[in-house]
Amino acid sequence: MQILALSRRRPGTTPQTLAPWLEAEAARAFELIAAGVFRSVHLCPERPGSMVVLECAGLDEAQAHLATLPMVREGLIDFELSRMLPYTGVRALFAATHKELGT
């Protein structure tokens, strides 16, 4: 299952408090990308932070992987998680055809 994780700074966290952890954070993110856990990582241009798409069995597993990030361990950031389910709305485009064919 894919999980969307949106990072957010904890109260009192500034770019200056994050700076010493940038290299270690990037290194751990790379390890999770190489392991196939992080499917993609993106910066959020409208707000500080990032979004990560993870491939995990569920939210608990995703949270456990995110907890290994240095900035999370140091209490500087946390993540809001959401399961990503396949969009099924396109079925409506083909509903009439399926009824006609009896499928």
C-alpha atoms as a PDB file:
ATOM      1  CA  MET A   1       0.000   0.000   0.000  1.00  0.00           C
ATOM      2  CA  GLN A   2       1.178   3.495  -0.702  1.00  0.00           C
ATOM      3  CA  ILE A   3       1.221   6.017   2.132  1.00  0.00           C
ATOM      4  CA  LEU A   4       1.476   9.797   1.735  1.00  0.00           C
ATOM      5  CA  ALA A   5       3.490  11.492   4.481  1.00  0.00           C
ATOM      6  CA  LEU A   6       3.502  15.290   4.799  1.00  0.00           C
ATOM      7  CA  SER A   7       6.234  16.668   7.024  1.00  0.00           C
ATOM      8  CA  ARG A   8       5.657  19.523   9.416  1.00  0.00           C
ATOM      9  CA  ARG A   9       8.033  21.373  11.676  1.00  0.00           C
ATOM     10  CA  ARG A  10       7.502  20.987  15.378  1.00  0.00           C
ATOM     11  CA  PRO A  11       6.956  24.243  17.317  1.00  0.00           C
ATOM     12  CA  GLY A  12      10.179  26.208  17.698  1.00  0.00           C
ATOM     13  CA  THR A  13      11.911  24.487  14.784  1.00  0.00           C
ATOM     14  CA  THR A  14      13.622  26.885  12.387  1.00  0.00           C
ATOM     15  CA  PRO A  15      15.757  26.422   9.282  1.00  0.00           C
ATOM     16  CA  GLN A  16      18.754  27.032  11.548  1.00  0.00           C
ATOM     17  CA  THR A  17      17.825  24.175  13.897  1.00  0.00           C
ATOM     18  CA  LEU A  18      17.313  21.852  10.918  1.00  0.00           C
ATOM     19  CA  ALA A  19      20.599  22.747   9.184  1.00  0.00           C
ATOM     20  CA  PRO A  20      22.932  20.486  11.216  1.00  0.00           C
ATOM     21  CA  TRP A  21      20.763  17.474  10.348  1.00  0.00           C
ATOM     22  CA  LEU A  22      20.368  17.994   6.583  1.00  0.00           C
ATOM     23  CA  GLU A  23      23.156  15.650   5.487  1.00  0.00           C
ATOM     24  CA  ALA A  24      22.187  12.837   7.865  1.00  0.00           C
ATOM     25  CA  GLU A  25      18.521  13.239   6.866  1.00  0.00           C
ATOM     26  CA  ALA A  26      19.395  13.018   3.172  1.00  0.00           C
ATOM     27  CA  ALA A  27      21.580   9.951   3.770  1.00  0.00           C
ATOM     28  CA  ARG A  28      18.801   8.129   5.632  1.00  0.00           C
ATOM     29  CA  ALA A  29      16.242   9.113   2.994  1.00  0.00           C
ATOM     30  CA  PHE A  30      18.569   7.690   0.334  1.00  0.00           C
ATOM     31  CA  GLU A  31      18.801   4.410   2.264  1.00  0.00           C
ATOM     32  CA  LEU A  32      15.012   4.196   2.402  1.00  0.00           C
ATOM     33  CA  ILE A  33      14.766   4.994  -1.319  1.00  0.00           C
ATOM     34  CA  ALA A  34      17.322   2.275  -2.116  1.00  0.00           C
ATOM     35  CA  ALA A  35      15.370  -0.186   0.050  1.00  0.00           C
ATOM     36  CA  GLY A  36      12.160   0.549  -1.892  1.00  0.00           C
ATOM     37  CA  VAL A  37      10.393   2.004   1.156  1.00  0.00           C
ATOM     38  CA  PHE A  38      10.411   5.620  -0.049  1.00  0.00           C
ATOM     39  CA  ARG A  39       8.890   5.601  -3.537  1.00  0.00           C
ATOM     40  CA  SER A  40       9.357   9.344  -4.020  1.00  0.00           C
ATOM     41  CA  VAL A  41      10.298  12.435  -2.040  1.00  0.00           C
ATOM     42  CA  HIS A  42       9.224  15.951  -3.009  1.00  0.00           C
ATOM     43  CA  LEU A  43       9.634  19.436  -1.617  1.00  0.00           C
ATOM     44  CA  CYS A  44       6.491  21.440  -0.926  1.00  0.00           C
ATOM     45  CA  PRO A  45       6.838  24.829  -2.647  1.00  0.00           C
ATOM     46  CA  GLU A  46       3.774  26.334  -0.907  1.00  0.00           C
ATOM     47  CA  ARG A  47       4.936  25.553   2.616  1.00  0.00           C
ATOM     48  CA  PRO A  48       8.060  24.409   4.429  1.00  0.00           C
ATOM     49  CA  GLY A  49       8.637  20.698   4.343  1.00  0.00           C
ATOM     50  CA  SER A  50       8.377  17.681   2.140  1.00  0.00           C
ATOM     51  CA  MET A  51       6.008  14.975   1.053  1.00  0.00           C
ATOM     52  CA  VAL A  52       7.047  11.371   0.873  1.00  0.00           C
ATOM     53  CA  VAL A  53       5.273   8.470  -0.800  1.00  0.00           C
ATOM     54  CA  LEU A  54       6.090   5.244   1.032  1.00  0.00           C
ATOM     55  CA  GLU A  55       5.389   1.639   0.087  1.00  0.00           C
ATOM     56  CA  CYS A  56       4.389  -0.118   3.328  1.00  0.00           C
ATOM     57  CA  ALA A  57       1.950  -2.671   4.682  1.00  0.00           C
ATOM     58  CA  GLY A  58       0.152   0.059   6.619  1.00  0.00           C
ATOM     59  CA  LEU A  59       0.357   3.257   8.613  1.00  0.00           C
ATOM     60  CA  ASP A  60       2.207   1.695  11.562  1.00  0.00           C
ATOM     61  CA  GLU A  61       5.003   0.418   9.315  1.00  0.00           C
ATOM     62  CA  ALA A  62       5.256   3.798   7.587  1.00  0.00           C
ATOM     63  CA  GLN A  63       5.474   5.563  10.948  1.00  0.00           C
ATOM     64  CA  ALA A  64       8.225   3.166  12.061  1.00  0.00           C
ATOM     65  CA  HIS A  65      10.309   3.943   8.959  1.00  0.00           C
ATOM     66  CA  LEU A  66       9.799   7.695   9.330  1.00  0.00           C
ATOM     67  CA  ALA A  67      10.876   7.456  12.975  1.00  0.00           C
ATOM     68  CA  THR A  68      14.350   6.441  11.746  1.00  0.00           C
ATOM     69  CA  LEU A  69      14.898   9.857  10.148  1.00  0.00           C
ATOM     70  CA  PRO A  70      17.316  11.985  12.200  1.00  0.00           C
ATOM     71  CA  MET A  71      15.044  15.041  12.231  1.00  0.00           C
ATOM     72  CA  VAL A  72      12.164  12.948  13.559  1.00  0.00           C
ATOM     73  CA  ARG A  73      14.385  11.301  16.195  1.00  0.00           C
ATOM     74  CA  GLU A  74      15.555  14.755  17.315  1.00  0.00           C
ATOM     75  CA  GLY A  75      11.964  15.981  17.654  1.00  0.00           C
ATOM     76  CA  LEU A  76      12.342  18.653  14.976  1.00  0.00           C
ATOM     77  CA  ILE A  77       9.703  17.387  12.536  1.00  0.00           C
ATOM     78  CA  ASP A  78       6.865  14.925  12.411  1.00  0.00           C
ATOM     79  CA  PHE A  79       4.618  13.623   9.658  1.00  0.00           C
ATOM     80  CA  GLU A  80       0.918  13.533   8.915  1.00  0.00           C
ATOM     81  CA  LEU A  81       0.121  10.194   7.247  1.00  0.00           C
ATOM     82  CA  SER A  82      -2.630   9.132   4.866  1.00  0.00           C
ATOM     83  CA  ARG A  83      -3.212   5.879   3.024  1.00  0.00           C
ATOM     84  CA  MET A  84      -3.396   6.312  -0.747  1.00  0.00           C
ATOM     85  CA  LEU A  85      -6.091   4.164  -2.348  1.00  0.00           C
ATOM     86  CA  PRO A  86      -6.640   3.712  -6.090  1.00  0.00           C
ATOM     87  CA  TYR A  87      -9.067   6.184  -7.610  1.00  0.00           C
ATOM     88  CA  THR A  88     -12.163   4.281  -8.723  1.00  0.00           C
ATOM     89  CA  GLY A  89     -14.225   7.215 -10.014  1.00  0.00           C
ATOM     90  CA  VAL A  90     -13.433   6.427 -13.645  1.00  0.00           C
ATOM     91  CA  ARG A  91     -15.765   3.425 -13.385  1.00  0.00           C
ATOM     92  CA  ALA A  92     -18.628   5.879 -13.877  1.00  0.00           C
ATOM     93  CA  LEU A  93     -17.350   6.596 -17.405  1.00  0.00           C
ATOM     94  CA  PHE A  94     -17.837   2.981 -18.381  1.00  0.00           C
ATOM     95  CA  ALA A  95     -20.898   2.043 -16.312  1.00  0.00           C
ATOM     96  CA  ALA A  96     -23.315   2.164 -19.256  1.00  0.00           C
ATOM     97  CA  THR A  97     -21.011   0.081 -21.439  1.00  0.00           C
ATOM     98  CA  HIS A  98     -20.660  -2.563 -18.738  1.00  0.00           C
ATOM     99  CA  LYS A  99     -24.445  -2.726 -18.291  1.00  0.00           C
ATOM    100  CA  GLU A 100     -24.946  -3.177 -22.034  1.00  0.00           C
ATOM    101  CA  LEU A 101     -22.371  -5.954 -22.159  1.00  0.00           C
ATOM    102  CA  GLY A 102     -23.632  -7.550 -18.970  1.00  0.00           C
ATOM    103  CA  THR A 103     -20.250  -7.288 -17.268  1.00  0.00           C
END
